[in-house]
Amino acid sequence: MQKQQNIKLKNARAVALSVLLSCEKQAAWLDRALKSELHTSEVAPRDAALCSKICYGVCQNRMLLEFWLKHFSSVKPEKLEPSVHIAILMAMYQIGMLDKIPQRAAVNEAVELTKRNSKNPRSPALVNGILRSFCRQAEELPQPKERWIHYSHPQWLVEQLDQELHHEGVEAFLACNNSEPPTTIQTNTMMISPNELRLELEEHGIAVEAHPWLAGCFYLRGTGDLEQLDAFQEGKFLVQDAASKLAVLAADPQPGMQVLDACAAPGGKSFSAGIQMHDKGRIRSCDIHAGKVKEIKKGAQRLQLQLIETGVSNAKEYHEDWQSGFDLVLCDVPCSGLGIIRKKPDIRWKEPESLEGLPKVQQAILDNVSRYVKANGTLLYSTCTVLQRENEVVIHRFLETHPEFVLEKFVLPGSIGQVPGGYITLWPHIHGTDGFFMAKMRKTHD
């Protein structure tokens, strides 16, 4: 039995190495590379969990692991073969940051991976020596002085957060970004009650915990592949972070409304709005990418939401026939994504120069889609980032040039409560949600 377990662990680590190499060499996104590799490999569910943990752990703690590697290796990291480099980081993560992995297993597996993947016959001995030195100091590992290295975030981002938050809560945010986010689902109350859904999931061995302040939503653990569950395939729930659900609650769609979701992919807000509207009215759910629109349509069909109409559309381009045609326009614009680092840890490594043009794009989209709002209608702007230049700055510039719109207060459940100013930033370390911004505006006249 022990021998069989070791083989599975080796497979899990081999798959993790393959995933991380894809990210390194091909600039693949971690979540996509991991999902693809697990789908094609024959890794048991328990070992798939270990593989995922290693992949995310290495990506989340990359700068700290590199700091340790430089300390313990006589060879500069850039001189190491990529497969050797990553095998060492994987082992250091297991030894230094996980408490259920025996040191010997982590070292031996790293050496075996190196034997199979390295072209240099001396590499296994090098890996063994580095990791055994690391093990001897595992109880008192050296720590960097710089916070961005300790929490493995780029220096520019930490300095930006320090400036915007006046140093308050920055470390808590960085630490939370390196934690494992819960899987959050929303009940499709058109098909099943929350209590019935909970009982059905528990019968399949899934740990279900009611969201502390969001009705009809649950945290799940021990799910395996959620999409294989009968309850998922039958459309009884959708996977959705609490922040997206809160944005829909702020927008307050009502049955019979005409709604436009202008940048809809992957469709969560359209689905949540459709459930809240009891499938009565119309939601036009659009995106610029045809492939993503197909996925939205597929999701609406799974959830049996008839009011959702999908279409390919560039949110920056004007549609004359949509002028003043919607009671509610949801505008979840493309953004830096720095509020969802917990779920997509490699987002933090985006070059800051690549993000500089985003506010201009966001402004153009907001300017355009605002023309589709009826008099006395609602415009909801949202992002999954926490940077003010993509959030508050965009909103205030919009209001300066669109006097027909005013910010409108709203109420959210739980400890958030009243949002008198009409906009709010949600933080993972404070609210337990994705990092998220939303602003609600009312069109007072045409």
Protein backbone atom coordinates (compact mmCIF):
# COMPACT_ATOMS: atom_id res chain seq x y z
CA MET A 1 0.00 0.00 0.00
CA GLN A 2 2.81 2.38 0.91
CA LYS A 3 4.57 1.72 -2.40
CA GLN A 4 1.39 2.44 -4.36
CA GLN A 5 0.88 5.71 -2.47
CA ASN A 6 4.42 6.85 -3.28
CA ILE A 7 3.83 6.19 -6.98
CA LYS A 8 0.73 8.40 -6.88
CA LEU A 9 2.62 11.16 -5.09
CA LYS A 10 5.34 10.97 -7.74
CA ASN A 11 2.72 11.30 -10.45
CA ALA A 12 1.20 14.31 -8.71
CA ARG A 13 4.57 16.05 -8.55
CA ALA A 14 5.41 15.12 -12.15
CA VAL A 15 2.16 16.71 -13.31
CA ALA A 16 2.86 19.79 -11.16
CA LEU A 17 6.29 20.13 -12.78
CA SER A 18 4.75 19.87 -16.24
CA VAL A 19 2.17 22.56 -15.41
CA LEU A 20 4.72 24.97 -13.97
CA LEU A 21 7.04 24.43 -16.92
CA SER A 22 4.17 25.34 -19.27
CA CYS A 23 3.69 28.56 -17.33
CA GLU A 24 7.43 29.24 -17.44
CA LYS A 25 8.17 28.44 -21.07
CA GLN A 26 4.89 29.21 -22.82
CA ALA A 27 3.53 31.98 -20.57
CA ALA A 28 0.44 29.83 -19.96
CA TRP A 29 -2.04 30.91 -17.30
CA LEU A 30 -1.76 28.63 -14.28
CA ASP A 31 -5.45 27.80 -13.87
CA ARG A 32 -5.86 26.84 -17.54
CA ALA A 33 -2.62 24.86 -17.72
CA LEU A 34 -3.49 22.99 -14.53
CA LYS A 35 -7.01 22.15 -15.64
CA SER A 36 -5.75 20.91 -19.01
CA GLU A 37 -2.97 18.79 -17.51
CA LEU A 38 -5.22 17.20 -14.88
CA HIS A 39 -7.81 16.44 -17.55
CA THR A 40 -5.33 14.55 -19.73
CA SER A 41 -3.32 12.85 -16.95
CA GLU A 42 -4.40 9.84 -14.90
CA VAL A 43 -3.98 11.39 -11.47
CA ALA A 44 -6.32 10.22 -8.71
CA PRO A 45 -8.53 12.95 -7.13
CA ARG A 46 -6.54 13.04 -3.90
CA ASP A 47 -3.28 13.42 -5.80
CA ALA A 48 -4.84 16.04 -8.06
CA ALA A 49 -5.43 18.09 -4.91
CA LEU A 50 -1.74 17.79 -3.98
CA CYS A 51 -0.73 18.72 -7.51
CA SER A 52 -2.97 21.81 -7.41
CA LYS A 53 -1.66 22.83 -4.01
CA ILE A 54 1.95 22.62 -5.17
CA CYS A 55 1.26 24.55 -8.39
CA TYR A 56 -0.58 27.36 -6.65
CA GLY A 57 1.84 27.38 -3.72
CA VAL A 58 4.90 27.80 -5.93
CA CYS A 59 3.24 30.53 -7.98
CA GLN A 60 1.94 32.37 -4.91
CA ASN A 61 5.30 32.28 -3.11
CA ARG A 62 7.67 32.47 -6.08
CA MET A 63 9.77 35.44 -4.91
CA LEU A 64 10.26 34.02 -1.42
CA LEU A 65 11.19 30.60 -2.83
CA GLU A 66 13.68 32.24 -5.20
CA PHE A 67 15.14 34.11 -2.22
CA TRP A 68 15.69 30.80 -0.44
CA LEU A 69 17.15 29.19 -3.55
CA LYS A 70 19.75 31.95 -3.90
CA HIS A 71 20.67 31.49 -0.25
CA PHE A 72 21.17 27.72 -0.42
CA SER A 73 22.50 27.21 -3.95
CA SER A 74 26.07 27.76 -5.10
CA VAL A 75 24.77 27.88 -8.67
CA LYS A 76 22.90 30.99 -9.76
CA PRO A 77 19.20 30.17 -10.41
CA GLU A 78 19.36 31.52 -13.97
CA LYS A 79 22.10 28.98 -14.73
CA LEU A 80 19.85 26.04 -13.80
CA GLU A 81 17.80 24.15 -16.36
CA PRO A 82 14.12 25.18 -16.04
CA SER A 83 13.04 21.67 -14.99
CA VAL A 84 15.74 21.54 -12.30
CA HIS A 85 14.98 25.07 -11.14
CA ILE A 86 11.26 24.38 -10.72
CA ALA A 87 11.78 20.95 -9.12
CA ILE A 88 13.85 22.65 -6.38
CA LEU A 89 11.21 25.37 -5.84
CA MET A 90 8.49 22.72 -5.59
CA ALA A 91 10.45 20.83 -2.94
CA MET A 92 11.27 24.00 -0.98
CA TYR A 93 7.59 24.90 -0.94
CA GLN A 94 6.63 21.47 0.40
CA ILE A 95 9.36 21.48 3.05
CA GLY A 96 9.16 25.11 4.10
CA MET A 97 5.44 25.86 3.81
CA LEU A 98 3.49 22.59 4.14
CA ASP A 99 3.30 20.59 7.36
CA LYS A 100 2.04 17.21 6.13
CA ILE A 101 4.75 16.36 3.59
CA PRO A 102 7.73 14.37 4.95
CA GLN A 103 11.00 16.11 4.12
CA ARG A 104 12.50 12.89 2.79
CA ALA A 105 9.62 12.41 0.34
CA ALA A 106 9.93 15.97 -0.99
CA VAL A 107 13.70 15.65 -1.46
CA ASN A 108 13.61 12.20 -3.02
CA GLU A 109 10.87 13.12 -5.47
CA ALA A 110 12.73 16.28 -6.54
CA VAL A 111 15.86 14.20 -7.18
CA GLU A 112 13.86 11.64 -9.18
CA LEU A 113 12.20 14.36 -11.26
CA THR A 114 15.63 15.81 -11.96
CA LYS A 115 17.01 12.43 -13.05
CA ARG A 116 14.15 12.09 -15.56
CA ASN A 117 14.24 15.63 -16.91
CA SER A 118 17.76 17.03 -16.67
CA LYS A 119 20.36 16.67 -19.42
CA ASN A 120 23.18 17.23 -16.93
CA PRO A 121 24.17 14.02 -15.04
CA ARG A 122 25.42 16.11 -12.11
CA SER A 123 22.06 17.82 -11.56
CA PRO A 124 20.54 15.17 -9.23
CA ALA A 125 23.48 15.48 -6.81
CA LEU A 126 23.17 19.28 -6.91
CA VAL A 127 19.45 19.13 -6.15
CA ASN A 128 20.02 16.66 -3.34
CA GLY A 129 22.70 18.83 -1.76
CA ILE A 130 20.67 22.05 -1.95
CA LEU A 131 17.57 20.47 -0.47
CA ARG A 132 19.38 18.65 2.34
CA SER A 133 20.96 21.94 3.40
CA PHE A 134 17.52 23.51 3.22
CA CYS A 135 16.07 20.75 5.42
CA ARG A 136 18.72 21.32 8.09
CA GLN A 137 17.57 24.93 8.48
CA ALA A 138 13.87 24.33 7.83
CA GLU A 139 12.91 25.40 11.37
CA GLU A 140 14.69 28.76 11.05
CA LEU A 141 14.78 29.70 7.40
CA PRO A 142 16.23 33.09 6.42
CA GLN A 143 13.61 35.76 5.81
CA PRO A 144 13.84 38.76 3.45
CA LYS A 145 13.53 42.28 4.79
CA GLU A 146 11.42 43.44 1.86
CA ARG A 147 7.68 42.85 2.18
CA TRP A 148 7.20 42.35 -1.55
CA ILE A 149 9.68 39.46 -1.48
CA HIS A 150 8.20 37.97 1.70
CA TYR A 151 4.67 38.04 0.24
CA SER A 152 5.84 37.51 -3.38
CA HIS A 153 4.17 40.53 -4.93
CA PRO A 154 5.87 42.91 -7.38
CA GLN A 155 7.42 45.93 -5.73
CA TRP A 156 5.45 48.40 -7.84
CA LEU A 157 2.13 46.92 -6.68
CA VAL A 158 3.06 47.00 -2.98
CA GLU A 159 4.19 50.62 -3.29
CA GLN A 160 0.96 51.52 -5.12
CA LEU A 161 -1.15 49.90 -2.38
CA ASP A 162 0.89 51.66 0.32
CA GLN A 163 0.14 54.97 -1.35
CA GLU A 164 -3.57 54.35 -1.83
CA LEU A 165 -4.24 52.73 1.57
CA HIS A 166 -1.79 54.84 3.57
CA HIS A 167 -0.06 51.60 4.65
CA GLU A 168 -3.22 50.35 6.42
CA GLY A 169 -4.22 46.78 5.68
CA VAL A 170 -1.67 46.27 2.92
CA GLU A 171 0.07 43.31 4.57
CA ALA A 172 -3.27 41.69 5.40
CA PHE A 173 -4.27 42.00 1.73
CA LEU A 174 -0.96 40.55 0.52
CA ALA A 175 -1.17 37.64 2.97
CA CYS A 176 -4.77 36.92 1.98
CA ASN A 177 -3.75 36.82 -1.69
CA ASN A 178 -1.52 33.84 -0.84
CA SER A 179 -4.31 31.91 0.88
CA GLU A 180 -6.66 29.35 -0.63
CA PRO A 181 -10.01 30.91 -1.60
CA PRO A 182 -13.23 29.05 -0.85
CA THR A 183 -15.40 27.65 -3.62
CA THR A 184 -18.58 29.71 -3.48
CA ILE A 185 -21.83 28.74 -5.18
CA GLN A 186 -25.25 30.34 -5.58
CA THR A 187 -28.46 28.32 -5.57
CA ASN A 188 -30.59 28.48 -8.69
CA THR A 189 -33.79 29.11 -6.75
CA MET A 190 -35.79 28.77 -9.98
CA MET A 191 -35.13 25.03 -9.72
CA ILE A 192 -34.39 24.12 -6.10
CA SER A 193 -34.42 25.58 -2.60
CA PRO A 194 -31.11 26.28 -0.83
CA ASN A 195 -31.86 23.65 1.82
CA GLU A 196 -32.68 20.98 -0.78
CA LEU A 197 -29.47 21.78 -2.66
CA ARG A 198 -27.45 21.52 0.52
CA LEU A 199 -28.86 18.10 1.34
CA GLU A 200 -28.23 16.82 -2.19
CA LEU A 201 -24.60 17.96 -2.15
CA GLU A 202 -23.99 16.50 1.30
CA GLU A 203 -25.32 13.15 0.09
CA HIS A 204 -22.43 13.16 -2.39
CA GLY A 205 -19.90 13.61 0.41
CA ILE A 206 -19.34 17.33 -0.14
CA ALA A 207 -18.79 19.57 2.87
CA VAL A 208 -21.31 22.40 2.60
CA GLU A 209 -21.23 25.55 4.73
CA ALA A 210 -23.85 28.27 4.46
CA HIS A 211 -22.42 31.65 3.54
CA PRO A 212 -22.49 33.71 6.76
CA TRP A 213 -24.47 36.62 5.33
CA LEU A 214 -25.43 35.89 1.72
CA ALA A 215 -28.72 34.02 1.41
CA GLY A 216 -28.78 31.02 -0.91
CA CYS A 217 -24.98 30.86 -1.20
CA PHE A 218 -22.63 28.19 0.15
CA TYR A 219 -18.95 27.44 0.64
CA LEU A 220 -17.97 24.00 -0.64
CA ARG A 221 -15.04 21.73 0.26
CA GLY A 222 -14.08 18.30 -1.02
CA THR A 223 -15.85 18.86 -4.31
CA GLY A 224 -13.52 17.26 -6.83
CA ASP A 225 -14.63 18.26 -10.32
CA LEU A 226 -17.79 20.29 -9.67
CA GLU A 227 -18.91 20.10 -13.28
CA GLN A 228 -19.31 16.32 -13.00
CA LEU A 229 -21.94 16.60 -10.26
CA ASP A 230 -25.53 15.89 -11.27
CA ALA A 231 -26.65 19.02 -9.42
CA PHE A 232 -24.34 21.16 -11.56
CA GLN A 233 -25.29 19.53 -14.84
CA GLU A 234 -28.97 19.89 -13.97
CA GLY A 235 -28.47 23.63 -13.42
CA LYS A 236 -29.25 23.69 -9.71
CA PHE A 237 -26.40 26.05 -8.86
CA LEU A 238 -23.74 28.28 -10.37
CA VAL A 239 -20.20 28.89 -9.16
CA GLN A 240 -19.91 32.57 -8.35
CA ASP A 241 -17.86 34.62 -5.93
CA ALA A 242 -19.86 36.61 -3.38
CA ALA A 243 -18.59 39.88 -4.89
CA SER A 244 -20.33 39.26 -8.21
CA LYS A 245 -23.55 38.35 -6.41
CA LEU A 246 -23.28 41.56 -4.37
CA ALA A 247 -22.90 43.60 -7.57
CA VAL A 248 -26.19 42.18 -8.82
CA LEU A 249 -27.85 42.91 -5.48
CA ALA A 250 -26.62 46.51 -5.73
CA ALA A 251 -27.99 46.82 -9.28
CA ASP A 252 -31.33 45.41 -8.07
CA PRO A 253 -32.77 43.92 -11.31
CA GLN A 254 -36.51 43.35 -11.11
CA PRO A 255 -38.83 40.97 -13.02
CA GLY A 256 -39.89 42.42 -16.37
CA MET A 257 -36.87 44.71 -16.77
CA GLN A 258 -34.85 45.15 -19.95
CA VAL A 259 -31.21 44.53 -18.95
CA LEU A 260 -27.93 44.78 -20.84
CA ASP A 261 -24.83 42.99 -19.58
CA ALA A 262 -22.32 44.73 -21.84
CA CYS A 263 -19.11 42.79 -20.96
CA ALA A 264 -20.78 39.63 -19.76
CA ALA A 265 -18.23 36.78 -19.94
CA PRO A 266 -18.17 34.38 -18.21
CA GLY A 267 -21.85 35.20 -17.56
CA GLY A 268 -22.17 35.01 -13.78
CA LYS A 269 -23.85 38.39 -13.35
CA SER A 270 -26.31 37.67 -16.17
CA PHE A 271 -27.19 34.35 -14.56
CA SER A 272 -27.55 35.82 -11.08
CA ALA A 273 -29.68 38.69 -12.43
CA GLY A 274 -31.86 36.22 -14.34
CA ILE A 275 -32.53 34.23 -11.17
CA GLN A 276 -33.32 37.41 -9.24
CA MET A 277 -35.72 38.45 -12.03
CA HIS A 278 -37.50 35.04 -11.81
CA ASP A 279 -36.72 34.53 -15.51
CA LYS A 280 -39.13 37.35 -16.42
CA GLY A 281 -38.03 40.19 -18.69
CA ARG A 282 -34.97 40.20 -20.95
CA ILE A 283 -31.22 40.18 -20.44
CA ARG A 284 -29.02 40.84 -23.44
CA SER A 285 -25.72 39.25 -22.51
CA CYS A 286 -22.85 40.33 -24.77
CA ASP A 287 -19.11 39.92 -25.13
CA ILE A 288 -16.50 40.74 -27.77
CA HIS A 289 -15.28 37.13 -28.00
CA ALA A 290 -17.52 34.67 -29.87
CA GLY A 291 -16.16 31.67 -27.96
CA LYS A 292 -17.04 33.23 -24.64
CA VAL A 293 -20.52 34.11 -25.89
CA LYS A 294 -21.07 30.43 -26.72
CA GLU A 295 -20.12 29.54 -23.14
CA ILE A 296 -22.59 32.10 -21.78
CA LYS A 297 -25.34 30.61 -23.95
CA LYS A 298 -24.41 27.14 -22.76
CA GLY A 299 -24.54 28.29 -19.13
CA ALA A 300 -27.95 29.93 -19.58
CA GLN A 301 -29.30 26.72 -21.10
CA ARG A 302 -27.89 24.65 -18.24
CA LEU A 303 -29.57 26.95 -15.71
CA GLN A 304 -32.78 26.96 -17.81
CA LEU A 305 -32.88 30.74 -17.99
CA GLN A 306 -35.04 31.69 -20.98
CA LEU A 307 -34.73 35.47 -20.60
CA ILE A 308 -31.02 35.57 -21.55
CA GLU A 309 -30.22 36.48 -25.16
CA THR A 310 -26.56 36.28 -26.16
CA GLY A 311 -24.68 38.20 -28.82
CA VAL A 312 -21.18 39.18 -29.93
CA SER A 313 -20.62 42.89 -29.40
CA ASN A 314 -17.75 45.31 -28.78
CA ALA A 315 -18.79 47.43 -25.80
CA LYS A 316 -16.89 50.42 -27.21
CA GLU A 317 -18.95 50.44 -30.42
CA TYR A 318 -22.30 52.26 -30.52
CA HIS A 319 -25.58 50.48 -31.40
CA GLU A 320 -28.13 53.11 -32.36
CA ASP A 321 -31.07 50.75 -31.82
CA TRP A 322 -30.01 50.27 -28.19
CA GLN A 323 -30.19 54.01 -27.41
CA SER A 324 -32.15 54.56 -24.15
CA GLY A 325 -33.43 51.00 -24.42
CA PHE A 326 -32.52 49.41 -21.08
CA ASP A 327 -33.73 49.79 -17.51
CA LEU A 328 -30.39 48.47 -16.26
CA VAL A 329 -26.94 48.31 -17.85
CA LEU A 330 -24.24 46.22 -16.20
CA CYS A 331 -20.76 47.38 -17.18
CA ASP A 332 -18.13 45.00 -15.80
CA VAL A 333 -15.16 46.32 -17.75
CA PRO A 334 -11.83 44.67 -18.66
CA CYS A 335 -9.38 45.43 -15.87
CA SER A 336 -6.03 44.50 -14.33
CA GLY A 337 -7.69 41.70 -12.30
CA LEU A 338 -5.60 42.52 -9.23
CA GLY A 339 -8.55 41.75 -6.95
CA ILE A 340 -8.57 38.05 -7.87
CA ILE A 341 -4.93 37.22 -7.19
CA ARG A 342 -6.09 34.53 -4.73
CA LYS A 343 -7.69 32.62 -7.61
CA LYS A 344 -5.24 33.57 -10.36
CA PRO A 345 -1.91 34.10 -8.59
CA ASP A 346 0.04 34.73 -11.79
CA ILE A 347 -1.97 37.91 -12.44
CA ARG A 348 0.39 39.66 -10.02
CA TRP A 349 3.27 39.21 -12.48
CA LYS A 350 1.68 41.33 -15.21
CA GLU A 351 4.02 44.10 -16.33
CA PRO A 352 2.72 47.47 -15.03
CA GLU A 353 3.25 49.01 -18.47
CA SER A 354 0.66 46.63 -19.91
CA LEU A 355 -1.95 48.01 -17.49
CA GLU A 356 -1.45 51.71 -18.14
CA GLY A 357 -3.94 51.91 -21.01
CA LEU A 358 -6.79 50.21 -19.14
CA PRO A 359 -8.45 53.35 -17.69
CA LYS A 360 -8.78 54.77 -21.20
CA VAL A 361 -10.50 51.57 -22.38
CA GLN A 362 -12.73 51.51 -19.30
CA GLN A 363 -13.69 55.16 -19.84
CA ALA A 364 -14.55 54.52 -23.50
CA ILE A 365 -16.77 51.56 -22.63
CA LEU A 366 -18.54 53.42 -19.84
CA ASP A 367 -19.12 56.48 -22.04
CA ASN A 368 -20.61 54.29 -24.78
CA VAL A 369 -22.88 51.97 -22.80
CA SER A 370 -24.24 54.83 -20.70
CA ARG A 371 -26.19 55.90 -23.80
CA TYR A 372 -28.25 52.72 -23.59
CA VAL A 373 -29.74 53.55 -20.17
CA LYS A 374 -33.34 54.78 -20.06
CA ALA A 375 -34.26 57.91 -18.14
CA ASN A 376 -34.49 56.92 -14.45
CA GLY A 377 -32.58 53.74 -15.32
CA THR A 378 -29.53 52.29 -13.56
CA LEU A 379 -25.92 52.00 -14.69
CA LEU A 380 -23.68 49.72 -12.64
CA TYR A 381 -19.91 49.95 -13.20
CA SER A 382 -17.72 47.21 -11.76
CA THR A 383 -14.20 45.77 -11.89
CA CYS A 384 -12.31 42.95 -10.19
CA THR A 385 -9.41 45.20 -9.28
CA VAL A 386 -8.61 47.38 -6.26
CA LEU A 387 -6.62 50.18 -7.93
CA GLN A 388 -8.23 53.60 -7.72
CA ARG A 389 -7.10 54.62 -11.21
CA GLU A 390 -9.40 51.91 -12.63
CA ASN A 391 -12.20 52.54 -10.16
CA GLU A 392 -12.90 55.84 -8.41
CA VAL A 393 -10.91 57.90 -10.92
CA VAL A 394 -12.84 56.46 -13.87
CA ILE A 395 -16.19 57.07 -12.17
CA HIS A 396 -15.45 60.67 -11.20
CA ARG A 397 -14.22 61.49 -14.71
CA PHE A 398 -17.39 59.96 -16.14
CA LEU A 399 -19.65 61.98 -13.84
CA GLU A 400 -17.84 65.21 -14.73
CA THR A 401 -18.80 64.78 -18.39
CA HIS A 402 -22.21 63.14 -17.87
CA PRO A 403 -24.29 65.38 -15.60
CA GLU A 404 -27.38 63.31 -16.39
CA PHE A 405 -25.97 60.58 -14.10
CA VAL A 406 -25.67 60.72 -10.32
CA LEU A 407 -24.31 58.23 -7.80
CA GLU A 408 -27.05 56.40 -5.91
CA LYS A 409 -26.78 54.86 -2.47
CA PHE A 410 -27.53 51.18 -1.99
CA VAL A 411 -27.56 48.55 0.73
CA LEU A 412 -25.70 45.24 0.84
CA PRO A 413 -26.25 42.38 3.27
CA GLY A 414 -24.08 41.46 6.25
CA SER A 415 -21.62 43.81 7.85
CA ILE A 416 -21.32 45.93 4.69
CA GLY A 417 -24.76 47.45 5.07
CA GLN A 418 -25.36 50.97 3.76
CA VAL A 419 -23.20 52.29 0.94
CA PRO A 420 -24.24 55.95 1.09
CA GLY A 421 -21.69 57.23 -1.40
CA GLY A 422 -22.88 54.93 -4.21
CA TYR A 423 -19.61 53.02 -4.62
CA ILE A 424 -17.47 50.61 -2.61
CA THR A 425 -14.31 48.54 -2.87
CA LEU A 426 -14.57 45.01 -1.47
CA TRP A 427 -11.41 43.43 -0.02
CA PRO A 428 -10.68 39.71 0.44
CA HIS A 429 -9.11 40.20 3.89
CA ILE A 430 -12.03 42.34 5.11
CA HIS A 431 -15.14 41.03 3.35
CA GLY A 432 -14.04 37.50 2.41
CA THR A 433 -14.82 38.21 -1.26
CA ASP A 434 -12.74 38.81 -4.33
CA GLY A 435 -11.18 42.25 -4.49
CA PHE A 436 -13.95 44.11 -6.31
CA PHE A 437 -15.28 47.60 -7.04
CA MET A 438 -18.82 48.62 -7.85
CA ALA A 439 -20.51 51.97 -8.44
CA LYS A 440 -24.23 52.48 -8.90
CA MET A 441 -25.47 55.45 -10.92
CA ARG A 442 -28.95 56.67 -11.75
CA LYS A 443 -29.80 58.45 -15.02
CA THR A 444 -31.92 61.42 -13.96
CA HIS A 445 -32.84 62.62 -17.45
CA ASP A 446 -32.06 62.12 -21.16
